[in-house]
Amino acid sequence: MPELPEVETTRRGVEPYCRGRTVANVIVRDPRLRWTVPDTLGAVLRGQVISAVERRGKYLLFRTDSGSLLVHLGMSGSLRVASPGDTPGRHDHIDLLLDDDACLRYHDPRRFGCFLWQAPGEVHPLLAGLGPEPLSAEFDGQHLFRRSRGRKGSVKNFIMDGNIVVGVGNIYANEALFLSGIHPGRAAGRVSGARYERLANIIKRVLTSAIEQGGTTLRDFVGGDGKPGYFAQQLYVYGRAGQPCKACGGPLRERRLGQRSSVYCVTCQR
């Protein structure tokens, strides 16, 4: 699933093509995404000028005066800038045609993404209750320490909870916990304030580095420019179960936490 750096990479890739452009038409070939594409989407978007493309967690928001198009890439979705003359493929479900003949094309083989509408002045239910952005000043070790008190669940599931902080997905949770020296299965309420301060700083560092390098290369992920990301070359633990730890040389172990794979080093992480 595309994580925050992949979504931010997509945002940065498509915004220059969209900002200030008028939506000339909306073509929905298959509305059957995770939530059915609203029948009224074309009517509300046609003629609207896209003033900005923003990100909230893993959601993209295409801002207009009449409201915002809310897009999630799901597990395998991607947005690419195409020519209107390019023949759409089997999994190219939606096109936004812009007034300069550019075409923003949504590709999603598994159809787990979404194209929904947020009225002006409202917060869509999918965005309501989300925690702070991990790269914002609101997110720090004190926030994590305060919200973790009394929690018996794992610290990994805790930092992946969107109500605590948005956008820290499985890949980057694995990496940040390793670099912080924290065992992913440790109870969130048993991590000290000092360790949470280090963890928060490392989450910011890991996500920033991944964004700068274009996200993590996954089988299905492609950025807005059609090119894959390259952060996977620097992963310490994710996807490396059974391989030697890059810090101590011992074998990395794997376990399931919250139905997700967690790879860790028993020597380096406590």
Protein backbone atom coordinates (compact mmCIF):
# COMPACT_ATOMS: atom_id res chain seq x y z
CA MET A 1 0.00 0.00 0.00
CA PRO A 2 1.38 3.46 -0.85
CA GLU A 3 2.41 5.15 2.40
CA LEU A 4 2.76 8.82 3.28
CA PRO A 5 6.04 9.41 1.36
CA GLU A 6 4.59 7.75 -1.75
CA VAL A 7 1.44 9.87 -1.50
CA GLU A 8 3.49 13.03 -0.95
CA THR A 9 5.66 12.09 -3.94
CA THR A 10 2.51 11.74 -6.03
CA ARG A 11 1.19 15.09 -4.76
CA ARG A 12 4.40 16.85 -5.71
CA GLY A 13 4.40 15.11 -9.08
CA VAL A 14 0.88 16.05 -10.15
CA GLU A 15 0.38 19.46 -8.54
CA PRO A 16 2.38 21.46 -11.12
CA TYR A 17 0.13 20.05 -13.85
CA CYS A 18 -3.10 20.72 -11.94
CA ARG A 19 -2.68 23.93 -9.96
CA GLY A 20 -4.45 26.81 -11.69
CA ARG A 21 -6.00 24.54 -14.34
CA THR A 22 -9.71 24.22 -15.03
CA VAL A 23 -11.34 20.79 -15.03
CA ALA A 24 -12.79 20.41 -18.53
CA ASN A 25 -14.31 16.96 -18.05
CA VAL A 26 -14.40 13.93 -15.78
CA ILE A 27 -14.52 10.44 -17.28
CA VAL A 28 -15.44 7.60 -14.91
CA ARG A 29 -15.05 4.23 -16.61
CA ASP A 30 -15.60 2.16 -13.50
CA PRO A 31 -17.13 3.76 -10.37
CA ARG A 32 -16.69 0.58 -8.29
CA LEU A 33 -13.82 1.63 -6.05
CA ARG A 34 -13.71 1.01 -2.30
CA TRP A 35 -16.60 3.46 -2.09
CA THR A 36 -18.63 4.02 -5.25
CA VAL A 37 -17.61 7.18 -7.10
CA PRO A 38 -20.48 9.70 -6.67
CA ASP A 39 -22.68 10.13 -9.76
CA THR A 40 -22.45 13.89 -9.24
CA LEU A 41 -18.64 14.06 -9.28
CA GLY A 42 -18.40 15.20 -12.89
CA ALA A 43 -21.10 17.83 -12.46
CA VAL A 44 -19.48 19.45 -9.41
CA LEU A 45 -15.93 19.33 -10.81
CA ARG A 46 -16.51 20.50 -14.41
CA GLY A 47 -15.52 24.12 -14.84
CA GLN A 48 -13.79 24.32 -11.46
CA VAL A 49 -10.26 25.66 -11.10
CA ILE A 50 -7.89 23.51 -9.03
CA SER A 51 -6.31 26.01 -6.64
CA ALA A 52 -4.03 23.53 -4.84
CA VAL A 53 -3.26 19.86 -4.34
CA GLU A 54 -2.79 19.10 -0.65
CA ARG A 55 -2.25 15.99 1.45
CA ARG A 56 -3.85 14.92 4.72
CA GLY A 57 -2.31 11.68 5.93
CA LYS A 58 -2.56 9.36 2.93
CA TYR A 59 -5.37 11.33 1.29
CA LEU A 60 -4.92 13.83 -1.54
CA LEU A 61 -7.18 16.90 -1.63
CA PHE A 62 -7.71 18.72 -4.93
CA ARG A 63 -9.00 22.11 -3.75
CA THR A 64 -11.56 24.14 -5.72
CA ASP A 65 -13.98 26.96 -4.81
CA SER A 66 -16.89 24.50 -4.81
CA GLY A 67 -15.21 21.94 -2.55
CA SER A 68 -12.42 19.36 -2.64
CA LEU A 69 -11.89 16.13 -4.51
CA LEU A 70 -10.73 13.55 -1.94
CA VAL A 71 -8.49 10.83 -3.41
CA HIS A 72 -6.95 7.78 -1.76
CA LEU A 73 -4.65 5.48 -3.74
CA GLY A 74 -5.75 2.34 -1.90
CA MET A 75 -3.38 -0.63 -2.13
CA SER A 76 -2.32 -0.37 -5.76
CA GLY A 77 -3.55 2.95 -7.11
CA SER A 78 -1.52 5.60 -8.89
CA LEU A 79 -2.11 8.98 -10.52
CA ARG A 80 -0.25 9.80 -13.71
CA VAL A 81 -0.26 12.69 -16.13
CA ALA A 82 -1.18 11.31 -19.54
CA SER A 83 -2.08 12.65 -22.96
CA PRO A 84 -5.81 12.56 -23.77
CA GLY A 85 -4.85 10.54 -26.85
CA ASP A 86 -3.27 7.75 -24.79
CA THR A 87 -5.50 4.69 -24.92
CA PRO A 88 -6.67 3.85 -21.38
CA GLY A 89 -5.76 0.44 -20.05
CA ARG A 90 -7.97 -2.10 -18.36
CA HIS A 91 -7.39 -0.66 -14.88
CA ASP A 92 -7.45 3.04 -15.83
CA HIS A 93 -10.74 3.86 -14.14
CA ILE A 94 -10.93 7.66 -14.00
CA ASP A 95 -9.63 10.59 -16.07
CA LEU A 96 -9.63 14.25 -15.08
CA LEU A 97 -9.30 16.23 -18.31
CA LEU A 98 -7.83 19.70 -17.84
CA ASP A 99 -8.19 22.79 -20.00
CA ASP A 100 -4.63 22.56 -21.35
CA ASP A 101 -5.30 19.06 -22.76
CA ALA A 102 -3.47 17.35 -19.90
CA CYS A 103 -5.12 14.25 -18.49
CA LEU A 104 -4.77 13.13 -14.89
CA ARG A 105 -5.38 9.37 -15.03
CA TYR A 106 -6.21 7.13 -12.07
CA HIS A 107 -4.97 3.53 -12.36
CA ASP A 108 -6.00 0.96 -9.74
CA PRO A 109 -5.93 -2.81 -10.43
CA ARG A 110 -7.41 -3.73 -7.04
CA ARG A 111 -9.94 -0.85 -6.88
CA PHE A 112 -9.35 -0.20 -3.16
CA GLY A 113 -8.86 3.54 -3.62
CA CYS A 114 -11.47 6.28 -3.57
CA PHE A 115 -12.64 9.40 -5.40
CA LEU A 116 -15.03 11.24 -3.08
CA TRP A 117 -16.24 14.80 -2.56
CA GLN A 118 -15.82 17.14 0.40
CA ALA A 119 -18.15 20.16 0.46
CA PRO A 120 -16.65 23.57 1.31
CA GLY A 121 -16.43 24.27 5.01
CA GLU A 122 -16.89 20.60 5.89
CA VAL A 123 -14.51 17.86 6.98
CA HIS A 124 -15.15 14.52 5.33
CA PRO A 125 -15.84 11.69 7.83
CA LEU A 126 -12.71 9.89 6.57
CA LEU A 127 -10.60 12.85 7.72
CA ALA A 128 -12.41 13.59 10.96
CA GLY A 129 -10.53 12.53 14.08
CA LEU A 130 -7.17 12.08 12.39
CA GLY A 131 -4.10 12.75 14.49
CA PRO A 132 -1.41 15.33 13.72
CA GLU A 133 0.80 15.17 10.66
CA PRO A 134 4.10 13.48 11.57
CA LEU A 135 6.16 16.26 10.00
CA SER A 136 4.28 19.03 11.81
CA ALA A 137 5.24 20.85 15.00
CA GLU A 138 2.20 19.30 16.71
CA PHE A 139 3.83 15.89 16.57
CA ASP A 140 6.61 15.25 19.08
CA GLY A 141 7.70 12.88 21.82
CA GLN A 142 5.50 14.52 24.42
CA HIS A 143 2.44 13.89 22.25
CA LEU A 144 3.31 10.20 21.94
CA PHE A 145 4.14 9.85 25.63
CA ARG A 146 0.91 11.53 26.72
CA ARG A 147 -1.32 9.47 24.41
CA SER A 148 0.43 6.19 25.26
CA ARG A 149 -0.14 6.18 29.02
CA GLY A 150 -1.99 3.07 30.17
CA ARG A 151 -1.92 1.42 26.73
CA LYS A 152 -1.07 -2.28 26.73
CA GLY A 153 -1.07 -2.73 22.95
CA SER A 154 2.21 -2.81 21.02
CA VAL A 155 4.10 0.40 20.36
CA LYS A 156 4.17 -0.46 16.65
CA ASN A 157 0.38 -0.60 16.40
CA PHE A 158 0.23 2.57 18.50
CA ILE A 159 2.31 4.68 16.09
CA MET A 160 0.39 3.22 13.13
CA ASP A 161 -2.92 4.37 14.61
CA GLY A 162 -4.16 7.29 12.50
CA ASN A 163 -5.90 8.80 15.51
CA ILE A 164 -2.49 9.12 17.20
CA VAL A 165 -0.47 10.30 14.20
CA VAL A 166 -1.35 10.06 10.51
CA GLY A 167 0.61 8.35 7.79
CA VAL A 168 3.11 6.17 9.68
CA GLY A 169 2.51 2.95 7.78
CA ASN A 170 4.03 -0.47 8.15
CA ILE A 171 7.28 0.10 6.26
CA TYR A 172 8.26 3.27 8.09
CA ALA A 173 7.05 2.03 11.49
CA ASN A 174 9.44 -0.94 11.15
CA GLU A 175 12.30 1.33 10.15
CA ALA A 176 11.73 4.01 12.80
CA LEU A 177 11.46 1.48 15.64
CA PHE A 178 14.68 -0.21 14.57
CA LEU A 179 16.58 3.09 14.40
CA SER A 180 15.13 4.03 17.81
CA GLY A 181 16.16 0.71 19.37
CA ILE A 182 12.57 -0.05 20.44
CA HIS A 183 11.13 -3.57 20.12
CA PRO A 184 7.92 -3.37 18.05
CA GLY A 185 6.05 -5.66 20.46
CA ARG A 186 6.79 -3.58 23.59
CA ALA A 187 3.65 -2.22 25.23
CA ALA A 188 3.12 1.42 24.21
CA GLY A 189 2.54 2.39 27.84
CA ARG A 190 5.94 0.99 28.84
CA VAL A 191 8.01 3.27 26.62
CA SER A 192 9.61 6.20 28.41
CA GLY A 193 9.22 9.85 27.48
CA ALA A 194 12.88 10.07 26.46
CA ARG A 195 12.53 7.10 24.11
CA TYR A 196 9.36 8.57 22.61
CA GLU A 197 11.21 11.83 21.99
CA ARG A 198 13.86 9.93 20.08
CA LEU A 199 11.22 7.91 18.22
CA ALA A 200 9.29 11.02 17.15
CA ASN A 201 12.46 12.64 15.82
CA ILE A 202 13.43 9.49 13.93
CA ILE A 203 9.94 9.15 12.40
CA LYS A 204 10.33 12.69 11.06
CA ARG A 205 13.81 11.90 9.75
CA VAL A 206 12.83 8.62 8.08
CA LEU A 207 9.74 10.08 6.40
CA THR A 208 11.62 13.19 5.24
CA SER A 209 14.40 11.06 3.75
CA ALA A 210 11.88 8.83 1.98
CA ILE A 211 10.05 11.83 0.53
CA GLU A 212 13.30 13.36 -0.71
CA GLN A 213 14.14 10.10 -2.48
CA GLY A 214 10.72 9.61 -4.02
CA GLY A 215 9.13 7.08 -1.68
CA THR A 216 9.68 3.37 -1.30
CA THR A 217 9.86 1.13 -4.35
CA LEU A 218 6.91 -1.27 -4.12
CA ARG A 219 5.69 -3.60 -6.83
CA ASP A 220 2.60 -1.50 -7.57
CA PHE A 221 3.70 2.02 -6.67
CA VAL A 222 4.65 4.58 -9.29
CA GLY A 223 4.93 8.30 -8.62
CA GLY A 224 3.07 11.06 -10.41
CA ASP A 225 5.85 11.31 -12.98
CA GLY A 226 5.57 7.60 -13.81
CA LYS A 227 8.85 6.75 -12.09
CA PRO A 228 9.23 4.47 -9.05
CA GLY A 229 10.69 5.63 -5.75
CA TYR A 230 14.13 4.59 -4.55
CA PHE A 231 14.03 4.60 -0.74
CA ALA A 232 13.87 0.78 -0.59
CA GLN A 233 17.61 0.66 -1.24
CA GLN A 234 18.17 1.97 2.30
CA LEU A 235 15.74 -0.14 4.33
CA TYR A 236 17.26 -1.61 7.48
CA VAL A 237 14.66 -4.19 8.48
CA TYR A 238 11.47 -4.14 6.39
CA GLY A 239 11.42 -7.11 4.01
CA ARG A 240 14.74 -8.43 5.38
CA ALA A 241 13.58 -11.17 7.79
CA GLY A 242 16.30 -13.80 8.24
CA GLN A 243 19.00 -11.54 6.84
CA PRO A 244 21.80 -10.12 9.02
CA CYS A 245 21.15 -6.96 10.99
CA LYS A 246 23.09 -4.07 9.45
CA ALA A 247 24.08 -2.91 12.95
CA CYS A 248 25.09 -6.07 14.84
CA GLY A 249 25.13 -8.83 12.20
CA GLY A 250 22.61 -11.06 13.99
CA PRO A 251 19.65 -12.52 12.09
CA LEU A 252 16.54 -10.34 11.85
CA ARG A 253 13.33 -11.94 13.09
CA GLU A 254 9.73 -11.55 11.97
CA ARG A 255 6.39 -11.69 13.78
CA ARG A 256 2.83 -10.56 13.11
CA LEU A 257 1.48 -7.54 14.97
CA GLY A 258 -1.97 -6.26 14.09
CA GLN A 259 -2.03 -8.51 11.00
CA ARG A 260 1.10 -6.81 9.65
CA SER A 261 4.63 -8.12 9.29
CA SER A 262 7.11 -6.78 11.85
CA VAL A 263 10.82 -7.35 11.30
CA TYR A 264 13.21 -6.54 14.13
CA CYS A 265 16.56 -7.30 15.75
CA VAL A 266 16.42 -8.99 19.18
CA THR A 267 19.82 -7.56 20.07
CA CYS A 268 19.40 -3.95 18.95
CA GLN A 269 15.74 -3.47 19.90
CA ARG A 270 14.46 -3.68 23.47
